[in-house]
Amino acid sequence: MARNTTKKSAADRPRVGSYTTPGLADGAGPKVAEILQGRLNALNDLALTLKHVHWNVIGPHFIGVHEMIDPQVLEVRAMVDETAERIATLGSSPIGTPGAIVQNRSWDDYSLNRGTTDEHLGALDVVYAGLLQDHRATQEVTADLDAVTEDMLIGQIKALELFHWFIRAHLESVGGGLATDAATSETGAAKKAARSARKAS
């Protein structure tokens, strides 16, 4: 790691190119790239969070959850690369530094460290729900600006919804209810999921 010799990070110095992809309306490229930077931050954060869960999950269903998470990490990392390259294609500079995530995110760090499979799955339900809501909102905004970016986001949403289903399948009752129902925070969802698992055992 380079030693900190300056007060400004790369996140403070976004670079916008003098071009964008042909066929886009004037100003659309930089606008879409700026919107995508938020998605890049969120996906980078998700990849790190999933790996954190992979390392910290414990309990009776450890191996199933531990091994379920790694393919999601790989897919999300591919989405990170795809999003960053789209930003570059639009003529802007993708910022992938940790500082950019921390400085520009609208969410807190993941709440759990070492925890049971039920606790982590409950928390991840909230994580995925929030990220998917933001991804869909971004997709709607880009629909009028750039069909290629919208198509990329739709593909990402499809995969992320599948991963969310994998998480929720562990939390779902036979009747279709979720152990995390009405939870609004990661810690709240983790407690509800753990409580539900205890009742079921």
N, C-alpha and C. Protein backbone atom coordinates (compact mmCIF):
# COMPACT_ATOMS: atom_id res chain seq x y z
N MET A 1 0.83 -1.19 0.00
CA MET A 1 0.00 0.00 0.00
C MET A 1 0.87 1.25 0.00
N ALA A 2 0.47 2.24 -0.77
CA ALA A 2 1.21 3.50 -0.81
C ALA A 2 0.98 4.28 0.48
N ARG A 3 2.01 4.97 0.94
CA ARG A 3 1.90 5.78 2.14
C ARG A 3 1.05 7.02 1.84
N ASN A 4 0.26 7.44 2.81
CA ASN A 4 -0.62 8.61 2.64
C ASN A 4 0.21 9.89 2.70
N THR A 5 0.42 10.51 1.53
CA THR A 5 1.21 11.74 1.47
C THR A 5 0.38 12.95 1.07
N THR A 6 -0.89 12.72 0.76
CA THR A 6 -1.75 13.83 0.36
C THR A 6 -3.10 13.70 1.05
N LYS A 7 -3.76 14.82 1.25
CA LYS A 7 -5.04 14.81 1.94
C LYS A 7 -6.18 14.44 1.00
N LYS A 8 -5.98 14.58 -0.30
CA LYS A 8 -7.05 14.28 -1.25
C LYS A 8 -6.88 12.88 -1.80
N SER A 9 -8.00 12.16 -1.90
CA SER A 9 -7.97 10.82 -2.47
C SER A 9 -8.44 10.87 -3.91
N ALA A 10 -8.31 9.73 -4.60
CA ALA A 10 -8.77 9.66 -5.99
C ALA A 10 -10.26 9.95 -6.08
N ALA A 11 -10.99 9.64 -5.02
CA ALA A 11 -12.43 9.88 -5.01
C ALA A 11 -12.76 11.37 -5.07
N ASP A 12 -11.80 12.22 -4.66
CA ASP A 12 -12.02 13.67 -4.70
C ASP A 12 -11.74 14.26 -6.08
N ARG A 13 -11.16 13.44 -6.97
CA ARG A 13 -10.74 13.96 -8.27
C ARG A 13 -11.32 13.15 -9.42
N PRO A 14 -12.66 13.11 -9.57
CA PRO A 14 -13.22 12.36 -10.69
C PRO A 14 -12.81 12.98 -12.01
N ARG A 15 -12.51 12.15 -12.97
CA ARG A 15 -12.10 12.62 -14.29
C ARG A 15 -13.17 12.26 -15.31
N VAL A 16 -13.57 13.23 -16.07
CA VAL A 16 -14.56 13.03 -17.12
C VAL A 16 -13.87 13.23 -18.45
N GLY A 17 -14.02 12.25 -19.33
CA GLY A 17 -13.38 12.34 -20.64
C GLY A 17 -14.06 13.36 -21.53
N SER A 18 -13.43 13.64 -22.66
CA SER A 18 -13.97 14.61 -23.61
C SER A 18 -14.85 13.92 -24.66
N TYR A 19 -15.15 12.65 -24.44
CA TYR A 19 -15.96 11.90 -25.40
C TYR A 19 -16.94 11.02 -24.65
N THR A 20 -17.89 10.48 -25.38
CA THR A 20 -18.77 9.44 -24.87
C THR A 20 -19.05 8.50 -26.02
N THR A 21 -19.85 7.49 -25.80
CA THR A 21 -20.14 6.55 -26.88
C THR A 21 -21.00 7.23 -27.94
N PRO A 22 -20.76 6.95 -29.22
CA PRO A 22 -21.55 7.57 -30.29
C PRO A 22 -23.03 7.24 -30.16
N GLY A 23 -23.86 8.21 -30.50
CA GLY A 23 -25.30 8.00 -30.51
C GLY A 23 -26.02 8.44 -29.25
N LEU A 24 -25.27 8.70 -28.18
CA LEU A 24 -25.91 9.19 -26.96
C LEU A 24 -26.16 10.69 -27.07
N ALA A 25 -27.21 11.15 -26.43
CA ALA A 25 -27.50 12.59 -26.41
C ALA A 25 -26.38 13.33 -25.69
N ASP A 26 -26.18 14.59 -26.05
CA ASP A 26 -25.15 15.41 -25.40
C ASP A 26 -25.35 15.41 -23.89
N GLY A 27 -24.28 15.15 -23.18
CA GLY A 27 -24.33 15.16 -21.72
C GLY A 27 -24.82 13.87 -21.09
N ALA A 28 -25.34 12.94 -21.90
CA ALA A 28 -25.89 11.70 -21.33
C ALA A 28 -24.79 10.81 -20.78
N GLY A 29 -23.64 10.74 -21.50
CA GLY A 29 -22.55 9.87 -21.06
C GLY A 29 -22.05 10.19 -19.67
N PRO A 30 -21.64 11.44 -19.42
CA PRO A 30 -21.18 11.79 -18.06
C PRO A 30 -22.27 11.60 -17.00
N LYS A 31 -23.52 11.88 -17.36
CA LYS A 31 -24.61 11.74 -16.40
C LYS A 31 -24.81 10.28 -16.02
N VAL A 32 -24.81 9.39 -17.02
CA VAL A 32 -24.98 7.96 -16.76
C VAL A 32 -23.78 7.43 -15.98
N ALA A 33 -22.58 7.88 -16.34
CA ALA A 33 -21.37 7.44 -15.63
C ALA A 33 -21.41 7.85 -14.16
N GLU A 34 -21.90 9.04 -13.90
CA GLU A 34 -22.00 9.51 -12.51
C GLU A 34 -23.00 8.65 -11.73
N ILE A 35 -24.11 8.31 -12.37
CA ILE A 35 -25.10 7.44 -11.72
C ILE A 35 -24.50 6.07 -11.46
N LEU A 36 -23.77 5.54 -12.44
CA LEU A 36 -23.18 4.21 -12.31
C LEU A 36 -22.10 4.15 -11.23
N GLN A 37 -21.45 5.28 -10.93
CA GLN A 37 -20.45 5.28 -9.87
C GLN A 37 -21.07 4.86 -8.54
N GLY A 38 -22.30 5.28 -8.31
CA GLY A 38 -23.00 4.85 -7.10
C GLY A 38 -23.24 3.35 -7.07
N ARG A 39 -23.57 2.78 -8.22
CA ARG A 39 -23.77 1.33 -8.31
C ARG A 39 -22.44 0.60 -8.16
N LEU A 40 -21.36 1.20 -8.69
CA LEU A 40 -20.03 0.59 -8.54
C LEU A 40 -19.65 0.53 -7.07
N ASN A 41 -19.89 1.61 -6.34
CA ASN A 41 -19.61 1.63 -4.90
C ASN A 41 -20.41 0.55 -4.17
N ALA A 42 -21.70 0.44 -4.51
CA ALA A 42 -22.57 -0.52 -3.84
C ALA A 42 -22.16 -1.96 -4.14
N LEU A 43 -21.80 -2.24 -5.38
CA LEU A 43 -21.40 -3.61 -5.75
C LEU A 43 -20.06 -3.98 -5.13
N ASN A 44 -19.12 -3.04 -5.10
CA ASN A 44 -17.85 -3.29 -4.42
C ASN A 44 -18.10 -3.60 -2.95
N ASP A 45 -18.97 -2.83 -2.33
CA ASP A 45 -19.30 -3.04 -0.92
C ASP A 45 -19.95 -4.41 -0.72
N LEU A 46 -20.86 -4.79 -1.62
CA LEU A 46 -21.52 -6.09 -1.51
C LEU A 46 -20.52 -7.23 -1.61
N ALA A 47 -19.59 -7.14 -2.56
CA ALA A 47 -18.59 -8.20 -2.73
C ALA A 47 -17.77 -8.37 -1.44
N LEU A 48 -17.37 -7.26 -0.84
CA LEU A 48 -16.61 -7.32 0.41
C LEU A 48 -17.46 -7.87 1.55
N THR A 49 -18.72 -7.46 1.62
CA THR A 49 -19.62 -7.93 2.66
C THR A 49 -19.86 -9.43 2.56
N LEU A 50 -20.08 -9.92 1.34
CA LEU A 50 -20.31 -11.35 1.15
C LEU A 50 -19.09 -12.16 1.57
N LYS A 51 -17.90 -11.67 1.24
CA LYS A 51 -16.69 -12.39 1.63
C LYS A 51 -16.54 -12.36 3.15
N HIS A 52 -16.89 -11.25 3.77
CA HIS A 52 -16.87 -11.12 5.23
C HIS A 52 -17.80 -12.17 5.86
N VAL A 53 -18.99 -12.34 5.30
CA VAL A 53 -19.93 -13.34 5.79
C VAL A 53 -19.35 -14.74 5.61
N HIS A 54 -18.78 -15.00 4.45
CA HIS A 54 -18.15 -16.29 4.14
C HIS A 54 -17.13 -16.68 5.21
N TRP A 55 -16.38 -15.71 5.70
CA TRP A 55 -15.34 -15.96 6.71
C TRP A 55 -15.91 -16.09 8.13
N ASN A 56 -17.03 -15.45 8.40
CA ASN A 56 -17.50 -15.30 9.78
C ASN A 56 -18.73 -16.12 10.15
N VAL A 57 -19.29 -16.85 9.20
CA VAL A 57 -20.50 -17.61 9.49
C VAL A 57 -20.14 -18.90 10.24
N ILE A 58 -20.98 -19.25 11.22
CA ILE A 58 -20.80 -20.48 12.00
C ILE A 58 -22.16 -21.13 12.21
N GLY A 59 -22.17 -22.35 12.72
CA GLY A 59 -23.42 -22.99 13.09
C GLY A 59 -23.68 -24.28 12.33
N PRO A 60 -24.81 -24.92 12.62
CA PRO A 60 -25.10 -26.24 12.06
C PRO A 60 -25.13 -26.28 10.52
N HIS A 61 -25.53 -25.21 9.89
CA HIS A 61 -25.62 -25.19 8.42
C HIS A 61 -24.43 -24.46 7.80
N PHE A 62 -23.33 -24.42 8.54
CA PHE A 62 -22.15 -23.68 8.12
C PHE A 62 -21.72 -23.99 6.69
N ILE A 63 -21.48 -25.25 6.38
CA ILE A 63 -20.86 -25.58 5.10
C ILE A 63 -21.75 -25.20 3.92
N GLY A 64 -23.07 -25.39 4.07
CA GLY A 64 -23.99 -25.02 3.00
C GLY A 64 -23.96 -23.53 2.70
N VAL A 65 -24.01 -22.72 3.76
CA VAL A 65 -24.00 -21.26 3.58
C VAL A 65 -22.62 -20.78 3.16
N HIS A 66 -21.59 -21.30 3.80
CA HIS A 66 -20.20 -20.94 3.45
C HIS A 66 -19.94 -21.15 1.96
N GLU A 67 -20.37 -22.29 1.45
CA GLU A 67 -20.12 -22.61 0.03
C GLU A 67 -21.11 -21.92 -0.90
N MET A 68 -22.27 -21.53 -0.41
CA MET A 68 -23.23 -20.80 -1.24
C MET A 68 -22.75 -19.38 -1.52
N ILE A 69 -22.03 -18.80 -0.57
CA ILE A 69 -21.65 -17.40 -0.67
C ILE A 69 -20.55 -17.16 -1.71
N ASP A 70 -19.57 -18.03 -1.80
CA ASP A 70 -18.43 -17.77 -2.68
C ASP A 70 -18.80 -17.55 -4.15
N PRO A 71 -19.69 -18.38 -4.75
CA PRO A 71 -20.09 -18.09 -6.13
C PRO A 71 -20.76 -16.73 -6.28
N GLN A 72 -21.48 -16.29 -5.24
CA GLN A 72 -22.08 -14.96 -5.29
C GLN A 72 -21.00 -13.88 -5.30
N VAL A 73 -19.95 -14.09 -4.51
CA VAL A 73 -18.82 -13.15 -4.50
C VAL A 73 -18.24 -13.02 -5.91
N LEU A 74 -18.00 -14.14 -6.56
CA LEU A 74 -17.41 -14.13 -7.90
C LEU A 74 -18.30 -13.41 -8.90
N GLU A 75 -19.60 -13.68 -8.84
CA GLU A 75 -20.54 -13.03 -9.76
C GLU A 75 -20.62 -11.53 -9.51
N VAL A 76 -20.65 -11.14 -8.26
CA VAL A 76 -20.73 -9.71 -7.93
C VAL A 76 -19.44 -9.01 -8.35
N ARG A 77 -18.29 -9.65 -8.17
CA ARG A 77 -17.03 -9.06 -8.63
C ARG A 77 -17.05 -8.86 -10.14
N ALA A 78 -17.67 -9.80 -10.87
CA ALA A 78 -17.81 -9.63 -12.33
C ALA A 78 -18.70 -8.44 -12.64
N MET A 79 -19.74 -8.23 -11.84
CA MET A 79 -20.61 -7.05 -12.03
C MET A 79 -19.83 -5.76 -11.76
N VAL A 80 -18.96 -5.79 -10.77
CA VAL A 80 -18.11 -4.63 -10.47
C VAL A 80 -17.29 -4.28 -11.70
N ASP A 81 -16.64 -5.27 -12.28
CA ASP A 81 -15.80 -5.05 -13.46
C ASP A 81 -16.62 -4.53 -14.63
N GLU A 82 -17.78 -5.14 -14.85
CA GLU A 82 -18.67 -4.73 -15.94
C GLU A 82 -19.11 -3.28 -15.77
N THR A 83 -19.47 -2.91 -14.56
CA THR A 83 -19.93 -1.55 -14.29
C THR A 83 -18.80 -0.54 -14.47
N ALA A 84 -17.62 -0.87 -13.94
CA ALA A 84 -16.46 0.03 -14.08
C ALA A 84 -16.10 0.23 -15.55
N GLU A 85 -16.13 -0.84 -16.31
CA GLU A 85 -15.79 -0.73 -17.74
C GLU A 85 -16.84 0.04 -18.52
N ARG A 86 -18.10 -0.03 -18.08
CA ARG A 86 -19.14 0.78 -18.73
C ARG A 86 -18.89 2.26 -18.46
N ILE A 87 -18.51 2.60 -17.23
CA ILE A 87 -18.17 3.98 -16.90
C ILE A 87 -17.03 4.47 -17.80
N ALA A 88 -16.01 3.65 -17.94
CA ALA A 88 -14.87 4.02 -18.79
C ALA A 88 -15.29 4.15 -20.25
N THR A 89 -16.16 3.27 -20.71
CA THR A 89 -16.65 3.32 -22.09
C THR A 89 -17.41 4.62 -22.35
N LEU A 90 -18.07 5.11 -21.32
CA LEU A 90 -18.82 6.36 -21.44
C LEU A 90 -17.92 7.59 -21.35
N GLY A 91 -16.62 7.37 -21.18
CA GLY A 91 -15.66 8.48 -21.21
C GLY A 91 -15.29 9.04 -19.86
N SER A 92 -15.72 8.38 -18.79
CA SER A 92 -15.42 8.86 -17.44
C SER A 92 -14.47 7.90 -16.74
N SER A 93 -14.05 8.28 -15.56
CA SER A 93 -13.09 7.49 -14.81
C SER A 93 -13.77 6.76 -13.67
N PRO A 94 -13.83 5.41 -13.70
CA PRO A 94 -14.41 4.68 -12.59
C PRO A 94 -13.49 4.75 -11.38
N ILE A 95 -14.06 5.04 -10.22
CA ILE A 95 -13.27 5.13 -8.99
C ILE A 95 -13.57 3.88 -8.16
N GLY A 96 -12.53 3.07 -7.94
CA GLY A 96 -12.70 1.81 -7.24
C GLY A 96 -11.98 1.74 -5.91
N THR A 97 -11.65 2.88 -5.35
CA THR A 97 -10.89 2.89 -4.10
C THR A 97 -11.81 2.70 -2.89
N PRO A 98 -11.27 2.16 -1.78
CA PRO A 98 -12.08 2.03 -0.56
C PRO A 98 -12.61 3.39 -0.10
N GLY A 99 -11.81 4.43 -0.27
CA GLY A 99 -12.25 5.76 0.14
C GLY A 99 -13.50 6.22 -0.59
N ALA A 100 -13.62 5.85 -1.86
CA ALA A 100 -14.80 6.24 -2.64
C ALA A 100 -16.06 5.59 -2.07
N ILE A 101 -15.92 4.33 -1.66
CA ILE A 101 -17.07 3.64 -1.08
C ILE A 101 -17.50 4.32 0.21
N VAL A 102 -16.54 4.51 1.10
CA VAL A 102 -16.84 5.07 2.43
C VAL A 102 -17.36 6.50 2.33
N GLN A 103 -16.72 7.29 1.47
CA GLN A 103 -17.06 8.71 1.37
C GLN A 103 -18.43 8.94 0.75
N ASN A 104 -18.83 8.08 -0.17
CA ASN A 104 -20.03 8.36 -0.96
C ASN A 104 -21.20 7.43 -0.70
N ARG A 105 -21.06 6.49 0.20
CA ARG A 105 -22.16 5.55 0.43
C ARG A 105 -23.26 6.19 1.30
N SER A 106 -24.46 5.65 1.14
CA SER A 106 -25.60 6.11 1.94
C SER A 106 -26.01 5.05 2.96
N TRP A 107 -25.14 4.09 3.19
CA TRP A 107 -25.43 2.99 4.12
C TRP A 107 -24.25 2.83 5.08
N ASP A 108 -24.51 2.14 6.19
CA ASP A 108 -23.47 1.87 7.17
C ASP A 108 -22.76 0.56 6.84
N ASP A 109 -21.62 0.33 7.50
CA ASP A 109 -20.93 -0.94 7.38
C ASP A 109 -21.84 -2.08 7.81
N TYR A 110 -21.58 -3.25 7.26
CA TYR A 110 -22.31 -4.46 7.65
C TYR A 110 -22.21 -4.64 9.16
N SER A 111 -23.31 -5.05 9.79
CA SER A 111 -23.44 -4.99 11.24
C SER A 111 -22.87 -6.17 12.01
N LEU A 112 -22.72 -7.33 11.35
CA LEU A 112 -22.35 -8.54 12.08
C LEU A 112 -20.91 -8.94 11.83
N ASN A 113 -20.29 -9.53 12.84
CA ASN A 113 -19.00 -10.19 12.66
C ASN A 113 -19.26 -11.70 12.74
N ARG A 114 -18.69 -12.38 13.72
CA ARG A 114 -18.94 -13.81 13.88
C ARG A 114 -20.40 -14.02 14.28
N GLY A 115 -21.10 -14.88 13.53
CA GLY A 115 -22.51 -15.10 13.82
C GLY A 115 -23.01 -16.39 13.19
N THR A 116 -24.17 -16.83 13.62
CA THR A 116 -24.73 -18.07 13.09
C THR A 116 -25.22 -17.88 11.66
N THR A 117 -25.44 -19.00 11.00
CA THR A 117 -25.95 -18.93 9.63
C THR A 117 -27.28 -18.18 9.59
N ASP A 118 -28.14 -18.42 10.57
CA ASP A 118 -29.44 -17.74 10.58
C ASP A 118 -29.29 -16.23 10.73
N GLU A 119 -28.38 -15.82 11.60
CA GLU A 119 -28.17 -14.39 11.81
C GLU A 119 -27.64 -13.73 10.54
N HIS A 120 -26.64 -14.32 9.93
CA HIS A 120 -26.07 -13.72 8.73
C HIS A 120 -27.05 -13.73 7.56
N LEU A 121 -27.80 -14.81 7.42
CA LEU A 121 -28.77 -14.85 6.32
C LEU A 121 -29.87 -13.81 6.54
N GLY A 122 -30.28 -13.63 7.79
CA GLY A 122 -31.26 -12.58 8.07
C GLY A 122 -30.74 -11.21 7.71
N ALA A 123 -29.49 -10.93 8.10
CA ALA A 123 -28.89 -9.63 7.78
C ALA A 123 -28.72 -9.45 6.27
N LEU A 124 -28.30 -10.52 5.58
CA LEU A 124 -28.11 -10.43 4.12
C LEU A 124 -29.42 -10.21 3.38
N ASP A 125 -30.53 -10.68 3.96
CA ASP A 125 -31.83 -10.40 3.36
C ASP A 125 -32.05 -8.90 3.26
N VAL A 126 -31.72 -8.18 4.32
CA VAL A 126 -31.86 -6.72 4.33
C VAL A 126 -30.87 -6.07 3.37
N VAL A 127 -29.63 -6.57 3.34
CA VAL A 127 -28.61 -6.03 2.44
C VAL A 127 -29.06 -6.14 0.98
N TYR A 128 -29.48 -7.34 0.58
CA TYR A 128 -29.91 -7.54 -0.80
C TYR A 128 -31.14 -6.73 -1.14
N ALA A 129 -32.10 -6.65 -0.21
CA ALA A 129 -33.32 -5.88 -0.48
C ALA A 129 -32.99 -4.41 -0.76
N GLY A 130 -32.12 -3.82 0.04
CA GLY A 130 -31.74 -2.43 -0.17
C GLY A 130 -31.00 -2.21 -1.47
N LEU A 131 -30.06 -3.10 -1.77
CA LEU A 131 -29.27 -2.95 -2.99
C LEU A 131 -30.15 -3.11 -4.22
N LEU A 132 -31.07 -4.07 -4.19
CA LEU A 132 -31.95 -4.28 -5.34
C LEU A 132 -32.90 -3.10 -5.55
N GLN A 133 -33.40 -2.51 -4.48
CA GLN A 133 -34.24 -1.32 -4.63
C GLN A 133 -33.47 -0.21 -5.34
N ASP A 134 -32.23 0.01 -4.94
CA ASP A 134 -31.41 1.06 -5.56
C ASP A 134 -31.05 0.71 -7.00
N HIS A 135 -30.79 -0.55 -7.27
CA HIS A 135 -30.47 -0.97 -8.64
C HIS A 135 -31.67 -0.75 -9.56
N ARG A 136 -32.87 -1.09 -9.08
CA ARG A 136 -34.07 -0.89 -9.90
C ARG A 136 -34.33 0.60 -10.13
N ALA A 137 -34.12 1.42 -9.13
CA ALA A 137 -34.31 2.87 -9.29
C ALA A 137 -33.32 3.41 -10.33
N THR A 138 -32.09 2.93 -10.29
CA THR A 138 -31.09 3.36 -11.27
C THR A 138 -31.46 2.89 -12.66
N GLN A 139 -31.95 1.68 -12.77
CA GLN A 139 -32.37 1.15 -14.08
C GLN A 139 -33.47 2.01 -14.69
N GLU A 140 -34.41 2.44 -13.85
CA GLU A 140 -35.50 3.28 -14.34
C GLU A 140 -34.99 4.63 -14.84
N VAL A 141 -34.01 5.20 -14.13
CA VAL A 141 -33.44 6.49 -14.53
C VAL A 141 -32.69 6.36 -15.86
N THR A 142 -31.93 5.27 -16.00
CA THR A 142 -31.11 5.10 -17.22
C THR A 142 -31.94 4.70 -18.43
N ALA A 143 -33.19 4.28 -18.22
CA ALA A 143 -34.04 3.84 -19.33
C ALA A 143 -34.19 4.93 -20.39
N ASP A 144 -34.23 6.18 -19.96
CA ASP A 144 -34.40 7.30 -20.90
C ASP A 144 -33.07 7.88 -21.37
N LEU A 145 -31.96 7.39 -20.83
CA LEU A 145 -30.66 7.97 -21.16
C LEU A 145 -29.78 7.06 -22.02
N ASP A 146 -29.80 5.76 -21.73
CA ASP A 146 -28.86 4.86 -22.39
C ASP A 146 -29.36 3.43 -22.28
N ALA A 147 -29.85 2.88 -23.39
CA ALA A 147 -30.43 1.54 -23.40
C ALA A 147 -29.40 0.46 -23.07
N VAL A 148 -28.16 0.68 -23.45
CA VAL A 148 -27.11 -0.32 -23.19
C VAL A 148 -26.85 -0.44 -21.68
N THR A 149 -26.75 0.70 -21.02
CA THR A 149 -26.56 0.69 -19.57
C THR A 149 -27.77 0.09 -18.88
N GLU A 150 -28.97 0.45 -19.35
CA GLU A 150 -30.18 -0.14 -18.76
C GLU A 150 -30.16 -1.66 -18.90
N ASP A 151 -29.77 -2.14 -20.08
CA ASP A 151 -29.71 -3.58 -20.31
C ASP A 151 -28.71 -4.25 -19.36
N MET A 152 -27.57 -3.62 -19.15
CA MET A 152 -26.57 -4.14 -18.21
C MET A 152 -27.16 -4.25 -16.81
N LEU A 153 -27.86 -3.21 -16.38
CA LEU A 153 -28.44 -3.20 -15.05
C LEU A 153 -29.54 -4.25 -14.91
N ILE A 154 -30.33 -4.44 -15.95
CA ILE A 154 -31.38 -5.47 -15.91
C ILE A 154 -30.75 -6.85 -15.71
N GLY A 155 -29.65 -7.11 -16.42
CA GLY A 155 -28.96 -8.39 -16.25
C GLY A 155 -28.42 -8.57 -14.85
N GLN A 156 -27.89 -7.50 -14.28
CA GLN A 156 -27.39 -7.56 -12.91
C GLN A 156 -28.53 -7.79 -11.92
N ILE A 157 -29.64 -7.10 -12.13
CA ILE A 157 -30.80 -7.26 -11.25
C ILE A 157 -31.28 -8.71 -11.27
N LYS A 158 -31.32 -9.30 -12.46
CA LYS A 158 -31.75 -10.70 -12.58
C LYS A 158 -30.89 -11.61 -11.71
N ALA A 159 -29.57 -11.46 -11.79
CA ALA A 159 -28.66 -12.30 -11.01
C ALA A 159 -28.77 -12.00 -9.52
N LEU A 160 -28.85 -10.72 -9.16
CA LEU A 160 -28.94 -10.34 -7.75
C LEU A 160 -30.25 -10.84 -7.12
N GLU A 161 -31.34 -10.80 -7.88
CA GLU A 161 -32.61 -11.32 -7.38
C GLU A 161 -32.52 -12.83 -7.14
N LEU A 162 -31.79 -13.54 -8.00
CA LEU A 162 -31.59 -14.97 -7.82
C LEU A 162 -30.82 -15.24 -6.52
N PHE A 163 -29.75 -14.47 -6.29
CA PHE A 163 -28.98 -14.63 -5.05
C PHE A 163 -29.83 -14.30 -3.83
N HIS A 164 -30.67 -13.29 -3.96
CA HIS A 164 -31.56 -12.91 -2.85
C HIS A 164 -32.53 -14.06 -2.55
N TRP A 165 -33.01 -14.70 -3.58
CA TRP A 165 -33.89 -15.86 -3.41
C TRP A 165 -33.17 -16.98 -2.66
N PHE A 166 -31.90 -17.23 -3.03
CA PHE A 166 -31.11 -18.25 -2.33
C PHE A 166 -31.06 -17.95 -0.83
N ILE A 167 -30.85 -16.66 -0.51
CA ILE A 167 -30.80 -16.26 0.90
C ILE A 167 -32.16 -16.46 1.56
N ARG A 168 -33.21 -15.98 0.90
CA ARG A 168 -34.55 -16.02 1.49
C ARG A 168 -35.10 -17.44 1.61
N ALA A 169 -34.65 -18.35 0.75
CA ALA A 169 -35.13 -19.73 0.82
C ALA A 169 -34.78 -20.36 2.16
N HIS A 170 -33.67 -19.93 2.76
CA HIS A 170 -33.27 -20.43 4.08
C HIS A 170 -34.14 -19.84 5.19
N LEU A 171 -34.77 -18.71 4.90
CA LEU A 171 -35.53 -17.98 5.92
C LEU A 171 -37.04 -18.16 5.77
N GLU A 172 -37.45 -18.93 4.77
CA GLU A 172 -38.86 -19.04 4.42
C GLU A 172 -39.50 -20.25 5.09
N SER A 173 -40.73 -20.06 5.56
CA SER A 173 -41.50 -21.17 6.12
C SER A 173 -42.22 -21.90 4.99
N VAL A 174 -42.77 -23.06 5.30
CA VAL A 174 -43.52 -23.83 4.30
C VAL A 174 -44.70 -23.02 3.78
N GLY A 175 -45.26 -22.19 4.65
CA GLY A 175 -46.39 -21.36 4.25
C GLY A 175 -46.01 -20.12 3.46
N GLY A 176 -44.70 -19.88 3.27
CA GLY A 176 -44.24 -18.76 2.48
C GLY A 176 -43.88 -17.52 3.27
N GLY A 177 -43.99 -17.57 4.59
CA GLY A 177 -43.61 -16.41 5.41
C GLY A 177 -42.11 -16.34 5.61
N LEU A 178 -41.61 -15.12 5.76
CA LEU A 178 -40.18 -14.92 5.98
C LEU A 178 -39.90 -14.68 7.46
N ALA A 179 -38.85 -15.30 7.95
CA ALA A 179 -38.45 -15.10 9.35
C ALA A 179 -38.09 -13.65 9.62
N THR A 180 -37.68 -12.93 8.58
CA THR A 180 -37.23 -11.54 8.72
C THR A 180 -38.34 -10.53 8.43
N ASP A 181 -39.56 -11.01 8.29
CA ASP A 181 -40.66 -10.13 7.90
C ASP A 181 -40.74 -8.88 8.78
N ALA A 182 -40.83 -7.73 8.14
CA ALA A 182 -40.97 -6.41 8.79
C ALA A 182 -39.68 -5.91 9.42
N ALA A 183 -38.59 -6.64 9.33
CA ALA A 183 -37.31 -6.14 9.87
C ALA A 183 -36.78 -5.05 8.95
N THR A 184 -36.25 -3.98 9.55
CA THR A 184 -35.76 -2.86 8.76
C THR A 184 -34.25 -2.65 8.90
N SER A 185 -33.62 -3.39 9.80
CA SER A 185 -32.18 -3.26 9.98
C SER A 185 -31.53 -4.64 9.93
N GLU A 186 -30.23 -4.66 9.66
CA GLU A 186 -29.51 -5.94 9.61
C GLU A 186 -29.56 -6.64 10.97
N THR A 187 -29.31 -5.89 12.04
CA THR A 187 -29.31 -6.51 13.36
C THR A 187 -30.72 -6.99 13.74
N GLY A 188 -31.73 -6.22 13.40
CA GLY A 188 -33.11 -6.63 13.68
C GLY A 188 -33.47 -7.89 12.91
N ALA A 189 -33.08 -7.96 11.64
CA ALA A 189 -33.37 -9.14 10.82
C ALA A 189 -32.60 -10.35 11.34
N ALA A 190 -31.36 -10.14 11.77
CA ALA A 190 -30.54 -11.24 12.31
C ALA A 190 -31.20 -11.83 13.56
N LYS A 191 -31.69 -10.96 14.44
CA LYS A 191 -32.33 -11.43 15.68
C LYS A 191 -33.62 -12.18 15.36
N LYS A 192 -34.41 -11.66 14.43
CA LYS A 192 -35.66 -12.33 14.09
C LYS A 192 -35.40 -13.71 13.46
N ALA A 193 -34.39 -13.79 12.60
CA ALA A 193 -34.07 -15.06 11.95
C ALA A 193 -33.57 -16.08 12.97
N ALA A 194 -32.74 -15.63 13.90
CA ALA A 194 -32.23 -16.54 14.94
C ALA A 194 -33.37 -17.02 15.85
N ARG A 195 -34.28 -16.11 16.19
CA ARG A 195 -35.41 -16.45 17.05
C ARG A 195 -36.31 -17.48 16.36
N SER A 196 -36.55 -17.28 15.05
CA SER A 196 -37.38 -18.20 14.30
C SER A 196 -36.75 -19.58 14.21
N ALA A 197 -35.43 -19.62 14.06
CA ALA A 197 -34.73 -20.90 13.98
C ALA A 197 -34.81 -21.65 15.30
N ARG A 198 -34.72 -20.92 16.40
CA ARG A 198 -34.82 -21.56 17.72
C ARG A 198 -36.21 -22.16 17.93
N LYS A 199 -37.24 -21.45 17.50
CA LYS A 199 -38.61 -21.95 17.64
C LYS A 199 -38.83 -23.21 16.81
N ALA A 200 -38.19 -23.24 15.63
CA ALA A 200 -38.38 -24.37 14.72
C ALA A 200 -37.63 -25.62 15.17
N SER A 201 -36.61 -25.45 16.00
CA SER A 201 -35.78 -26.60 16.40
C SER A 201 -36.36 -27.32 17.62
